[in-house]
Amino acid sequence: MSESTPAASPGEHRTVLLRGGEVHSPADPFATAMVVERGHVAWVGSEGAADAFASGVDEVVDLEGALVTPAFVDAHVHTTATGFALTGLDLSSAASLAEAAELIRSHAAARPEDRILIGHGWDASRWPERRPLTRAELDGLTGGRPLYLTRIDVHSAVVTTALLDLVPGVRDLDGFHDGQRPLTGDAHHAVRAAAFGAVSARQRTEAQRAARARAASLGIGTVHECGGPQISSEEDFTGLLDLARDEPGPRVVGYWADLDVERARALGALGAAGDLFADGSLGSHTACLHEPYADHADATHTGAAHLDAATVALHVVACTEAGLQAGFHAIGDAAVTAVVEGVRAAAEKLGLARIRAARHRVEHVEMLTPETIAAFAELGLTASVQPAFDALWGGEEGMYADRLGAERARTLNPYAALLRAGVPLAFGSDSPVTPLDPWGTVRAAAFHRTSEHRISARAAFTAHTRGGWRAVGRDDAGTLVPGAPADYAVWRTEELVVQAPDDRVARWSTDPRSGTPGLPDLSPGRDLPVCLRTVVHGQTVFVRPNE
């Protein structure tokens, strides 16, 4: 890809003609060129018609056959934690307890100046030992320094004794366990607050910049930051929003998970939503279920319920009346039921039309039934979901099957049923739980481990672009048509293919008579597209260096 004039500098809107490629636009399925003016798409069309614009623009970009698509929207991100995972201790690659121990030892030795060590990503369910590191083992690996190390789902953590000593009273809190088991619940939240509270403002900003830079390099133009008093801090949240306003990069839409609606508004959040916990996670045995876990030592264990239907109803009413979005983290079927019952009660009080218009949302929402899917459609709830969860933990021998048994596990993440019911989908990563990886996310939905839950690549792509905009109340974005915000990415990719919505990824076509914009072939084993450039509101925020 080449250009005839320098790229626009930050803050400057230039008129740009892109030509000589493939433009993914419903306005013209055969478009090969696009004009961007004042931060918006001005025109899309054919190569021949582009000649009329060539002399009147500030910049001409020769796409050299590259693909242009709307920029992705990642609808669930923890930005600072993602940055720490990118720049610090990441255990997601550890295949055994011994490998994890060596990574921790090496990181501690390489960072002698850090008063506190922070890491993420261990998953003992994938290790032969099937257990996490004990507190005594961690104390030895870190030389007695404070260490906070979250499980991959971020709903439990192992820590060193030195970190516990910084949190008075933590040993008396719910979720505190002996040194053989991870911390959960209130004890986990307390040590998390202490750990991130010890991080300097400079370290936080560096992590946020690293996360936004990674997102931009992957063609992500917008992230939905999911903060909250049990997740990060007010300083972290407002600092990220300020950074996104002041520096080029992906835009940040902020959600603050707090029952205090006015506090969320004061912090600049779009909603008192995001990870407002109705329950926990399946991996940590804290997602709230109707029936017990299949692999828990206590055969009656059904997880943890943090919000009941009455509390959900009060919150939805308060948010609706305040003009904010409400939203909840709900994974287990009992938690999803509580959220649905609460939102329905709010609709009975305020009227269904007002609830639907508010576009309240539910994060993760993995364990659904036909009844709760129908309720989502009725109440206008957006399902903000993470297809990479299924790719990582689904299947007959995955973590879901361990926790729930194969029969229940096969019901998880039913994207096809949600779409058939008319439930709006918004795709995200929950990074750092799973990595920022938009094309991988689209592939995971199109090739779901349970075949009846698969959706077309086109539907998955829409959920990861336009769906993220719709989830924040914008219907005019996420697609390359005249008048839309000029958020787009340029990709190096192989031949484009067209998939009909009902193909279930079984049959592919390159027939141009379909009149449908093509997408890259995302079949397993194929290389995913490589981002060459990312543009947000007409401003270039990433250009891949010449290779």
Protein backbone atom coordinates (compact mmCIF):
# COMPACT_ATOMS: atom_id res chain seq x y z
CA MET A 1 0.00 0.00 0.00
CA SER A 2 1.43 3.38 -0.99
CA GLU A 3 0.37 6.99 -0.72
CA SER A 4 1.17 10.06 -2.75
CA THR A 5 1.31 12.50 0.16
CA PRO A 6 2.14 12.17 3.89
CA ALA A 7 -0.52 10.82 6.23
CA ALA A 8 -2.54 13.32 8.20
CA SER A 9 -1.08 14.50 11.48
CA PRO A 10 -3.09 14.11 14.71
CA GLY A 11 -5.94 16.56 14.91
CA GLU A 12 -5.89 17.27 11.16
CA HIS A 13 -8.71 16.08 8.89
CA ARG A 14 -7.60 15.61 5.31
CA THR A 15 -9.67 14.57 2.32
CA VAL A 16 -8.42 11.14 1.32
CA LEU A 17 -9.12 8.94 -1.69
CA LEU A 18 -8.44 5.24 -1.24
CA ARG A 19 -8.44 3.29 -4.49
CA GLY A 20 -7.26 0.09 -6.11
CA GLY A 21 -8.56 -2.34 -3.50
CA GLU A 22 -11.73 -3.94 -2.18
CA VAL A 23 -14.07 -1.84 -0.01
CA HIS A 24 -16.47 -3.79 2.20
CA SER A 25 -19.59 -1.64 1.86
CA PRO A 26 -23.30 -2.45 1.65
CA ALA A 27 -23.67 0.73 -0.41
CA ASP A 28 -21.79 -0.94 -3.29
CA PRO A 29 -20.81 -4.62 -3.02
CA PHE A 30 -18.32 -4.14 -5.87
CA ALA A 31 -16.69 -0.96 -4.50
CA THR A 32 -12.95 -0.59 -5.03
CA ALA A 33 -12.54 3.02 -3.86
CA MET A 34 -13.63 5.32 -1.05
CA VAL A 35 -13.38 9.03 -0.24
CA VAL A 36 -13.05 10.25 3.34
CA GLU A 37 -13.72 13.89 4.20
CA ARG A 38 -13.89 15.66 7.58
CA GLY A 39 -13.79 12.43 9.50
CA HIS A 40 -16.66 10.76 7.63
CA VAL A 41 -17.13 8.54 4.62
CA ALA A 42 -18.05 10.82 1.70
CA TRP A 43 -18.32 8.33 -1.16
CA VAL A 44 -17.77 4.67 -2.08
CA GLY A 45 -17.74 3.34 -5.62
CA SER A 46 -15.80 1.93 -8.54
CA GLU A 47 -12.25 2.51 -9.67
CA GLY A 48 -13.37 4.25 -12.83
CA ALA A 49 -15.57 6.73 -10.98
CA ALA A 50 -12.72 7.47 -8.54
CA ASP A 51 -10.89 9.43 -11.25
CA ALA A 52 -13.33 12.29 -10.76
CA PHE A 53 -12.08 12.78 -7.18
CA ALA A 54 -8.35 12.35 -7.73
CA SER A 55 -7.51 16.01 -8.32
CA GLY A 56 -9.57 17.38 -5.44
CA VAL A 57 -8.21 15.45 -2.49
CA ASP A 58 -5.30 16.01 -0.14
CA GLU A 59 -4.11 12.42 -0.25
CA VAL A 60 -4.42 9.44 -2.58
CA VAL A 61 -3.79 5.99 -1.10
CA ASP A 62 -3.11 3.14 -3.53
CA LEU A 63 -4.50 0.10 -1.75
CA GLU A 64 -2.61 -2.28 -4.03
CA GLY A 65 -5.41 -4.81 -3.78
CA ALA A 66 -5.88 -4.55 -0.01
CA LEU A 67 -9.25 -4.91 1.71
CA VAL A 68 -10.92 -1.98 3.52
CA THR A 69 -13.48 -2.77 6.22
CA PRO A 70 -15.11 -0.90 9.07
CA ALA A 71 -12.83 -0.85 12.11
CA PHE A 72 -13.69 -3.41 14.74
CA VAL A 73 -15.37 -2.56 18.04
CA ASP A 74 -14.29 -4.62 21.04
CA ALA A 75 -17.34 -4.45 23.30
CA HIS A 76 -15.68 -5.64 26.53
CA VAL A 77 -12.14 -4.67 27.51
CA HIS A 78 -10.22 -4.03 30.72
CA THR A 79 -7.70 -1.67 29.22
CA THR A 80 -5.18 -1.17 32.00
CA ALA A 81 -5.11 -4.86 32.91
CA THR A 82 -4.63 -5.63 29.21
CA GLY A 83 -1.66 -3.29 29.13
CA PHE A 84 -0.12 -4.94 32.17
CA ALA A 85 -0.55 -8.35 30.52
CA LEU A 86 1.13 -7.03 27.38
CA THR A 87 4.04 -5.43 29.18
CA GLY A 88 4.36 -7.59 32.29
CA LEU A 89 3.84 -11.10 33.59
CA ASP A 90 1.54 -13.13 31.33
CA LEU A 91 1.05 -16.81 32.19
CA SER A 92 -1.44 -17.63 29.44
CA SER A 93 1.23 -19.59 27.55
CA ALA A 94 2.24 -21.73 30.53
CA ALA A 95 1.42 -25.38 29.84
CA SER A 96 2.29 -26.66 33.31
CA LEU A 97 2.78 -25.58 36.88
CA ALA A 98 6.55 -25.79 36.41
CA GLU A 99 6.44 -23.49 33.36
CA ALA A 100 4.33 -20.99 35.30
CA ALA A 101 6.77 -21.08 38.20
CA GLU A 102 9.72 -20.37 35.91
CA LEU A 103 7.93 -17.43 34.27
CA ILE A 104 7.18 -15.95 37.70
CA ARG A 105 10.76 -16.45 38.90
CA SER A 106 12.21 -14.86 35.76
CA HIS A 107 9.83 -11.89 35.87
CA ALA A 108 10.58 -11.20 39.54
CA ALA A 109 14.33 -11.32 38.87
CA ALA A 110 14.01 -8.97 35.90
CA ARG A 111 11.97 -6.37 37.81
CA PRO A 112 13.85 -5.73 41.07
CA GLU A 113 12.67 -2.10 41.15
CA ASP A 114 8.94 -2.98 41.21
CA ARG A 115 7.51 -2.75 44.72
CA ILE A 116 4.62 -4.96 43.67
CA LEU A 117 4.41 -7.61 40.97
CA ILE A 118 1.24 -8.05 38.91
CA GLY A 119 0.50 -10.91 36.56
CA HIS A 120 -2.34 -12.66 34.82
CA GLY A 121 -3.46 -15.65 32.84
CA TRP A 122 -2.80 -18.90 34.73
CA ASP A 123 -5.26 -21.71 34.07
CA ALA A 124 -4.69 -24.80 36.18
CA SER A 125 -7.44 -26.66 34.31
CA ARG A 126 -4.98 -26.94 31.38
CA TRP A 127 -2.02 -28.10 33.50
CA PRO A 128 -1.18 -31.75 34.13
CA GLU A 129 -0.98 -30.99 37.86
CA ARG A 130 -4.56 -29.61 37.84
CA ARG A 131 -3.77 -27.21 40.69
CA PRO A 132 -2.58 -23.62 41.04
CA LEU A 133 0.63 -22.55 42.74
CA THR A 134 0.36 -22.41 46.51
CA ARG A 135 1.07 -19.31 48.56
CA ALA A 136 4.24 -20.85 49.98
CA GLU A 137 5.49 -21.63 46.46
CA LEU A 138 4.80 -18.07 45.33
CA ASP A 139 6.59 -16.63 48.37
CA GLY A 140 9.68 -18.57 47.38
CA LEU A 141 9.51 -17.55 43.74
CA THR A 142 9.24 -13.81 44.44
CA GLY A 143 11.69 -13.44 47.30
CA GLY A 144 8.88 -12.43 49.62
CA ARG A 145 7.63 -9.50 47.54
CA PRO A 146 3.93 -8.72 47.05
CA LEU A 147 2.49 -10.55 44.03
CA TYR A 148 -1.05 -10.47 42.64
CA LEU A 149 -1.68 -13.14 40.02
CA THR A 150 -5.15 -13.54 38.51
CA ARG A 151 -6.61 -16.69 37.05
CA ILE A 152 -7.40 -16.35 33.33
CA ASP A 153 -11.05 -15.45 34.06
CA VAL A 154 -9.99 -12.73 36.58
CA HIS A 155 -12.51 -14.05 39.13
CA SER A 156 -9.93 -15.54 41.46
CA ALA A 157 -6.28 -14.94 42.24
CA VAL A 158 -3.27 -16.40 43.99
CA VAL A 159 -1.16 -14.00 46.02
CA THR A 160 1.90 -13.92 48.22
CA THR A 161 1.88 -13.49 51.96
CA ALA A 162 3.48 -10.05 51.54
CA LEU A 163 0.45 -8.84 49.60
CA LEU A 164 -1.97 -10.19 52.21
CA ASP A 165 -0.03 -8.27 54.86
CA LEU A 166 -0.87 -5.03 53.01
CA VAL A 167 -4.64 -5.66 53.38
CA PRO A 168 -5.75 -5.51 57.02
CA GLY A 169 -8.64 -7.82 57.80
CA VAL A 170 -8.49 -9.72 54.52
CA ARG A 171 -8.23 -13.05 56.32
CA ASP A 172 -11.69 -12.48 57.78
CA LEU A 173 -13.41 -11.74 54.47
CA ASP A 174 -15.64 -14.04 52.45
CA GLY A 175 -13.63 -15.85 49.81
CA PHE A 176 -10.39 -16.03 51.83
CA HIS A 177 -8.90 -19.50 51.67
CA ASP A 178 -5.82 -21.18 53.01
CA GLY A 179 -2.68 -21.02 50.94
CA GLN A 180 -3.67 -24.05 48.88
CA ARG A 181 -6.61 -22.38 47.09
CA PRO A 182 -7.09 -19.08 45.22
CA LEU A 183 -8.87 -16.11 46.75
CA THR A 184 -12.40 -15.38 45.55
CA GLY A 185 -15.26 -12.99 46.42
CA ASP A 186 -14.66 -10.11 48.83
CA ALA A 187 -11.15 -11.27 49.73
CA HIS A 188 -10.15 -11.22 46.07
CA HIS A 189 -11.63 -7.77 45.53
CA ALA A 190 -9.76 -6.43 48.56
CA VAL A 191 -6.34 -7.68 47.46
CA ARG A 192 -7.03 -6.54 43.91
CA ALA A 193 -7.72 -3.01 45.13
CA ALA A 194 -4.54 -3.05 47.18
CA ALA A 195 -2.46 -4.36 44.30
CA PHE A 196 -3.67 -1.86 41.73
CA GLY A 197 -3.67 0.92 44.31
CA ALA A 198 0.08 0.41 44.69
CA VAL A 199 0.67 0.97 40.98
CA SER A 200 1.88 4.44 40.08
CA ALA A 201 0.03 6.79 37.74
CA ARG A 202 2.95 6.48 35.32
CA GLN A 203 2.68 2.68 35.25
CA ARG A 204 -1.08 2.90 34.64
CA THR A 205 -0.69 5.34 31.77
CA GLU A 206 2.04 3.23 30.17
CA ALA A 207 -0.20 0.17 30.37
CA GLN A 208 -3.15 2.05 28.86
CA ARG A 209 -1.02 3.31 25.99
CA ALA A 210 0.27 -0.20 25.34
CA ALA A 211 -3.26 -1.61 25.24
CA ARG A 212 -4.57 1.09 22.90
CA ALA A 213 -1.56 0.65 20.62
CA ARG A 214 -2.16 -3.11 20.42
CA ALA A 215 -5.84 -2.56 19.68
CA ALA A 216 -5.01 -0.10 16.89
CA SER A 217 -2.53 -2.56 15.36
CA LEU A 218 -5.34 -5.12 15.11
CA GLY A 219 -7.82 -2.86 13.32
CA ILE A 220 -9.84 -2.06 16.45
CA GLY A 221 -11.18 1.48 16.34
CA THR A 222 -13.27 1.49 19.52
CA VAL A 223 -13.14 -0.33 22.84
CA HIS A 224 -15.78 -0.48 25.54
CA GLU A 225 -13.92 -0.09 28.83
CA CYS A 226 -15.58 -2.08 31.60
CA GLY A 227 -14.45 -0.55 34.87
CA GLY A 228 -15.92 -0.49 38.32
CA PRO A 229 -15.12 -0.26 42.03
CA GLN A 230 -14.49 -4.03 42.22
CA ILE A 231 -12.40 -4.05 39.03
CA SER A 232 -10.21 -0.97 38.87
CA SER A 233 -10.28 2.49 40.45
CA GLU A 234 -11.93 5.80 39.68
CA GLU A 235 -8.50 7.28 38.91
CA ASP A 236 -7.80 4.48 36.45
CA PHE A 237 -11.17 4.92 34.74
CA THR A 238 -11.11 8.70 34.40
CA GLY A 239 -7.42 8.66 33.48
CA LEU A 240 -8.15 6.32 30.58
CA LEU A 241 -11.03 8.46 29.32
CA ASP A 242 -8.80 11.55 29.50
CA LEU A 243 -5.99 9.77 27.68
CA ALA A 244 -8.32 8.69 24.88
CA ARG A 245 -9.52 12.29 24.46
CA ASP A 246 -6.00 13.72 24.45
CA GLU A 247 -4.01 11.22 22.39
CA PRO A 248 -4.66 9.58 19.00
CA GLY A 249 -5.78 5.99 19.10
CA PRO A 250 -8.89 3.87 19.42
CA ARG A 251 -11.78 5.73 21.04
CA VAL A 252 -12.87 4.53 24.48
CA VAL A 253 -16.49 4.22 25.61
CA GLY A 254 -16.61 3.88 29.37
CA TYR A 255 -18.92 1.75 31.52
CA TRP A 256 -18.74 1.93 35.31
CA ALA A 257 -20.18 -1.10 37.13
CA ASP A 258 -21.81 0.52 40.14
CA LEU A 259 -25.27 0.52 41.69
CA ASP A 260 -24.63 4.22 42.39
CA VAL A 261 -26.02 5.59 39.14
CA GLU A 262 -25.08 9.21 39.82
CA ARG A 263 -21.51 8.20 40.58
CA ALA A 264 -21.27 6.49 37.20
CA ARG A 265 -22.60 9.62 35.51
CA ALA A 266 -20.13 11.85 37.37
CA LEU A 267 -17.23 9.72 36.19
CA GLY A 268 -18.25 10.18 32.55
CA ALA A 269 -19.61 6.67 32.01
CA LEU A 270 -22.19 5.89 29.36
CA GLY A 271 -23.82 3.47 31.74
CA ALA A 272 -23.77 2.04 35.25
CA ALA A 273 -23.07 -1.21 33.53
CA GLY A 274 -20.45 -3.64 32.34
CA ASP A 275 -19.11 -5.98 34.98
CA LEU A 276 -21.77 -5.27 37.58
CA PHE A 277 -21.57 -8.77 38.96
CA ALA A 278 -24.69 -10.89 39.14
CA ASP A 279 -22.35 -13.87 39.57
CA GLY A 280 -18.79 -14.98 38.94
CA SER A 281 -17.22 -17.36 36.41
CA LEU A 282 -17.41 -21.03 35.50
CA GLY A 283 -13.66 -21.52 35.70
CA SER A 284 -13.57 -20.33 39.31
CA HIS A 285 -16.77 -22.26 40.23
CA THR A 286 -18.47 -18.94 41.05
CA ALA A 287 -20.96 -18.58 38.16
CA CYS A 288 -24.43 -19.02 39.67
CA LEU A 289 -26.22 -22.15 38.44
CA HIS A 290 -29.64 -23.71 38.86
CA GLU A 291 -28.02 -27.14 39.19
CA PRO A 292 -24.75 -27.99 40.98
CA TYR A 293 -21.34 -28.08 39.37
CA ALA A 294 -20.28 -31.47 38.08
CA ASP A 295 -16.70 -31.30 39.36
CA HIS A 296 -16.84 -29.47 42.68
CA ALA A 297 -15.79 -31.16 45.91
CA ASP A 298 -19.13 -30.06 47.38
CA ALA A 299 -21.71 -31.92 45.31
CA THR A 300 -24.34 -29.26 46.14
CA HIS A 301 -22.24 -26.25 45.09
CA THR A 302 -24.07 -23.90 42.68
CA GLY A 303 -21.76 -20.88 42.67
CA ALA A 304 -22.36 -17.39 44.02
CA ALA A 305 -25.27 -15.00 43.47
CA HIS A 306 -24.33 -11.34 43.94
CA LEU A 307 -27.54 -9.63 42.77
CA ASP A 308 -31.14 -10.73 43.10
CA ALA A 309 -34.00 -9.84 40.75
CA ALA A 310 -35.27 -7.07 43.05
CA THR A 311 -31.88 -5.33 43.05
CA VAL A 312 -31.63 -5.69 39.28
CA ALA A 313 -35.08 -4.13 38.86
CA LEU A 314 -34.23 -1.13 41.06
CA HIS A 315 -31.00 -0.54 39.13
CA VAL A 316 -32.63 -0.79 35.72
CA VAL A 317 -35.35 1.66 36.77
CA ALA A 318 -32.77 4.11 38.15
CA CYS A 319 -30.61 3.93 35.03
CA THR A 320 -33.55 4.25 32.66
CA GLU A 321 -34.88 7.31 34.47
CA ALA A 322 -31.38 8.83 34.51
CA GLY A 323 -30.88 8.26 30.78
CA LEU A 324 -28.04 5.80 31.30
CA GLN A 325 -27.59 2.21 30.24
CA ALA A 326 -27.86 -0.52 32.83
CA GLY A 327 -25.87 -3.67 32.41
CA PHE A 328 -24.82 -6.77 34.29
CA HIS A 329 -22.23 -9.52 34.24
CA ALA A 330 -24.18 -12.79 34.17
CA ILE A 331 -22.76 -16.16 33.12
CA GLY A 332 -24.62 -18.93 34.95
CA ASP A 333 -28.21 -19.80 34.12
CA ALA A 334 -29.46 -18.79 37.58
CA ALA A 335 -27.76 -15.39 37.28
CA VAL A 336 -29.22 -14.86 33.81
CA THR A 337 -32.67 -15.74 35.18
CA ALA A 338 -32.29 -13.17 37.97
CA VAL A 339 -31.30 -10.46 35.46
CA VAL A 340 -34.22 -11.28 33.15
CA GLU A 341 -36.71 -11.27 36.00
CA GLY A 342 -35.36 -7.96 37.25
CA VAL A 343 -35.47 -6.26 33.86
CA ARG A 344 -39.00 -7.56 33.28
CA ALA A 345 -40.08 -6.10 36.63
CA ALA A 346 -38.57 -2.76 35.59
CA ALA A 347 -40.53 -2.95 32.32
CA GLU A 348 -43.74 -3.51 34.27
CA LYS A 349 -43.02 -0.34 36.21
CA LEU A 350 -41.79 1.96 33.42
CA GLY A 351 -43.29 0.36 30.33
CA LEU A 352 -41.69 -2.01 27.87
CA ALA A 353 -41.04 0.69 25.27
CA ARG A 354 -38.84 2.73 27.63
CA ILE A 355 -36.82 -0.33 28.64
CA ARG A 356 -36.29 -1.40 25.04
CA ALA A 357 -35.28 2.13 24.00
CA ALA A 358 -32.61 2.25 26.72
CA ARG A 359 -30.70 -0.68 25.17
CA HIS A 360 -29.61 -2.20 28.44
CA ARG A 361 -27.02 -4.94 28.08
CA VAL A 362 -25.78 -8.15 29.65
CA GLU A 363 -22.14 -9.22 29.52
CA HIS A 364 -21.00 -12.80 28.76
CA VAL A 365 -24.47 -14.40 29.17
CA GLU A 366 -23.19 -17.91 28.43
CA MET A 367 -25.87 -20.18 29.89
CA LEU A 368 -29.16 -19.42 28.17
CA THR A 369 -32.42 -21.31 27.73
CA PRO A 370 -35.09 -20.82 25.05
CA GLU A 371 -37.09 -18.89 27.66
CA THR A 372 -34.31 -16.48 28.58
CA ILE A 373 -33.40 -15.97 24.92
CA ALA A 374 -37.01 -15.03 24.21
CA ALA A 375 -36.93 -12.64 27.16
CA PHE A 376 -33.78 -10.93 25.82
CA ALA A 377 -35.57 -10.35 22.52
CA GLU A 378 -38.72 -9.07 24.23
CA LEU A 379 -36.85 -6.69 26.53
CA GLY A 380 -34.42 -5.40 23.90
CA LEU A 381 -31.36 -6.56 25.84
CA THR A 382 -28.03 -6.60 24.03
CA ALA A 383 -25.96 -9.75 24.52
CA SER A 384 -22.34 -8.62 24.82
CA VAL A 385 -20.51 -11.90 24.28
CA GLN A 386 -17.04 -13.34 23.77
CA PRO A 387 -16.80 -16.13 21.15
CA ALA A 388 -13.17 -16.80 22.10
CA PHE A 389 -14.47 -18.30 25.36
CA ASP A 390 -15.94 -21.20 23.39
CA ALA A 391 -12.77 -21.59 21.33
CA LEU A 392 -10.72 -21.77 24.52
CA TRP A 393 -12.98 -23.72 26.89
CA GLY A 394 -15.67 -25.39 24.76
CA GLY A 395 -15.78 -28.87 23.27
CA GLU A 396 -16.30 -32.33 24.68
CA GLU A 397 -13.08 -32.24 26.71
CA GLY A 398 -12.87 -28.54 27.56
CA MET A 399 -13.25 -26.71 30.85
CA TYR A 400 -16.99 -26.21 30.31
CA ALA A 401 -17.50 -29.97 30.08
CA ASP A 402 -15.43 -30.45 33.25
CA ARG A 403 -17.45 -27.92 35.20
CA LEU A 404 -20.93 -28.75 33.89
CA GLY A 405 -20.83 -32.13 32.24
CA ALA A 406 -20.95 -32.59 28.46
CA GLU A 407 -24.73 -32.21 28.11
CA ARG A 408 -24.97 -28.81 29.79
CA ALA A 409 -21.71 -27.67 28.21
CA ARG A 410 -23.15 -28.17 24.74
CA THR A 411 -25.82 -25.54 25.46
CA LEU A 412 -23.35 -22.71 26.12
CA ASN A 413 -22.99 -19.60 23.96
CA PRO A 414 -25.92 -20.26 21.59
CA TYR A 415 -25.24 -17.48 19.09
CA ALA A 416 -27.41 -18.87 16.31
CA ALA A 417 -30.44 -19.09 18.59
CA LEU A 418 -29.87 -15.52 19.79
CA LEU A 419 -29.76 -14.21 16.23
CA ARG A 420 -32.83 -16.19 15.19
CA ALA A 421 -34.72 -14.62 18.09
CA GLY A 422 -33.63 -11.12 17.07
CA VAL A 423 -31.34 -10.47 20.04
CA PRO A 424 -28.69 -7.82 19.25
CA LEU A 425 -25.14 -9.20 19.54
CA ALA A 426 -21.98 -7.24 20.32
CA PHE A 427 -18.68 -9.12 20.24
CA GLY A 428 -15.70 -8.52 22.47
CA SER A 429 -12.68 -10.20 24.03
CA ASP A 430 -12.91 -9.47 27.78
CA SER A 431 -9.19 -8.81 27.37
CA PRO A 432 -6.99 -9.77 29.14
CA VAL A 433 -9.16 -12.84 29.79
CA THR A 434 -8.75 -13.65 26.10
CA PRO A 435 -6.48 -11.59 23.82
CA LEU A 436 -7.54 -8.73 21.59
CA ASP A 437 -8.07 -10.68 18.37
CA PRO A 438 -11.03 -9.51 16.26
CA TRP A 439 -10.66 -11.79 13.25
CA GLY A 440 -10.03 -14.70 15.60
CA THR A 441 -13.25 -13.77 17.38
CA VAL A 442 -15.21 -13.80 14.11
CA ARG A 443 -13.68 -17.18 13.27
CA ALA A 444 -14.60 -18.56 16.71
CA ALA A 445 -18.27 -17.65 16.21
CA ALA A 446 -18.38 -19.00 12.67
CA PHE A 447 -16.71 -22.25 13.73
CA HIS A 448 -18.25 -22.65 17.18
CA ARG A 449 -17.29 -25.98 18.76
CA THR A 450 -20.98 -26.87 18.92
CA SER A 451 -22.15 -26.81 15.33
CA GLU A 452 -25.77 -25.76 15.96
CA HIS A 453 -24.52 -22.55 17.62
CA ARG A 454 -22.48 -21.41 14.60
CA ILE A 455 -23.39 -18.24 12.76
CA SER A 456 -22.28 -16.96 9.38
CA ALA A 457 -19.00 -15.09 9.13
CA ARG A 458 -20.97 -12.11 7.86
CA ALA A 459 -23.22 -12.10 10.95
CA ALA A 460 -20.20 -12.48 13.20
CA PHE A 461 -18.37 -9.64 11.46
CA THR A 462 -21.44 -7.43 11.85
CA ALA A 463 -21.62 -8.23 15.57
CA HIS A 464 -17.98 -7.18 15.95
CA THR A 465 -18.38 -3.92 14.02
CA ARG A 466 -21.88 -2.48 13.77
CA GLY A 467 -23.03 -4.47 16.79
CA GLY A 468 -20.60 -2.66 19.07
CA TRP A 469 -21.89 0.70 17.88
CA ARG A 470 -25.51 -0.32 18.32
CA ALA A 471 -24.70 -1.45 21.84
CA VAL A 472 -23.81 2.16 22.74
CA GLY A 473 -26.90 3.57 21.05
CA ARG A 474 -25.41 4.48 17.65
CA ASP A 475 -27.11 3.17 14.52
CA ASP A 476 -25.19 5.36 12.07
CA ALA A 477 -21.76 3.76 12.43
CA GLY A 478 -19.87 0.52 11.96
CA THR A 479 -20.43 0.36 8.21
CA LEU A 480 -18.74 2.12 5.30
CA VAL A 481 -21.55 4.15 3.74
CA PRO A 482 -21.69 7.88 2.98
CA GLY A 483 -22.21 9.87 6.17
CA ALA A 484 -20.84 7.22 8.52
CA PRO A 485 -17.84 7.96 10.76
CA ALA A 486 -14.61 7.16 8.94
CA ASP A 487 -13.49 4.37 11.26
CA TYR A 488 -11.88 1.79 9.03
CA ALA A 489 -9.00 -0.66 8.72
CA VAL A 490 -6.97 -1.77 5.73
CA TRP A 491 -6.01 -5.45 5.51
CA ARG A 492 -3.64 -7.70 3.65
CA THR A 493 -5.60 -10.87 3.05
CA GLU A 494 -6.19 -13.75 0.69
CA GLU A 495 -9.12 -14.21 -1.68
CA LEU A 496 -12.46 -12.91 -0.47
CA VAL A 497 -15.43 -15.25 -0.22
CA VAL A 498 -19.15 -14.77 0.22
CA GLN A 499 -21.15 -16.87 2.64
CA ALA A 500 -24.93 -16.96 2.68
CA PRO A 501 -26.48 -16.42 6.13
CA ASP A 502 -27.85 -19.96 6.27
CA ASP A 503 -24.72 -21.74 5.07
CA ARG A 504 -23.49 -22.50 8.59
CA VAL A 505 -19.96 -22.22 7.21
CA ALA A 506 -20.46 -25.33 5.09
CA ARG A 507 -20.54 -23.77 1.61
CA TRP A 508 -18.58 -20.82 0.31
CA SER A 509 -18.92 -18.87 -2.91
CA THR A 510 -16.96 -16.31 -4.85
CA ASP A 511 -19.82 -15.64 -7.27
CA PRO A 512 -19.97 -11.83 -7.77
CA ARG A 513 -23.66 -12.08 -8.65
CA SER A 514 -24.44 -12.54 -4.96
CA GLY A 515 -24.34 -8.77 -4.54
CA THR A 516 -22.89 -9.24 -1.03
CA PRO A 517 -19.54 -7.78 0.06
CA GLY A 518 -16.97 -10.52 0.54
CA LEU A 519 -14.94 -11.33 3.64
CA PRO A 520 -11.65 -13.18 4.08
CA ASP A 521 -11.81 -16.97 4.25
CA LEU A 522 -11.59 -17.64 8.00
CA SER A 523 -11.57 -21.43 7.80
CA PRO A 524 -9.37 -23.05 10.47
CA GLY A 525 -5.83 -23.32 9.23
CA ARG A 526 -6.07 -20.26 6.99
CA ASP A 527 -3.96 -17.21 7.83
CA LEU A 528 -5.97 -14.39 9.38
CA PRO A 529 -5.84 -10.93 7.74
CA VAL A 530 -2.97 -8.62 8.69
CA CYS A 531 -3.80 -5.02 9.56
CA LEU A 532 -1.92 -2.47 7.43
CA ARG A 533 -3.61 0.70 8.66
CA THR A 534 -6.24 1.74 11.18
CA VAL A 535 -8.13 5.03 10.95
CA VAL A 536 -10.42 6.51 13.62
CA HIS A 537 -12.68 9.42 12.68
CA GLY A 538 -10.53 10.09 9.64
CA GLN A 539 -7.23 10.13 11.58
CA THR A 540 -4.62 7.43 11.07
CA VAL A 541 -3.79 5.80 14.40
CA PHE A 542 -1.75 2.87 13.12
CA VAL A 543 0.38 2.15 10.04
CA ARG A 544 2.24 -1.13 9.79
CA PRO A 545 5.96 -0.53 9.16
CA ASN A 546 7.32 -1.74 5.85
CA GLU A 547 8.16 -5.40 6.13
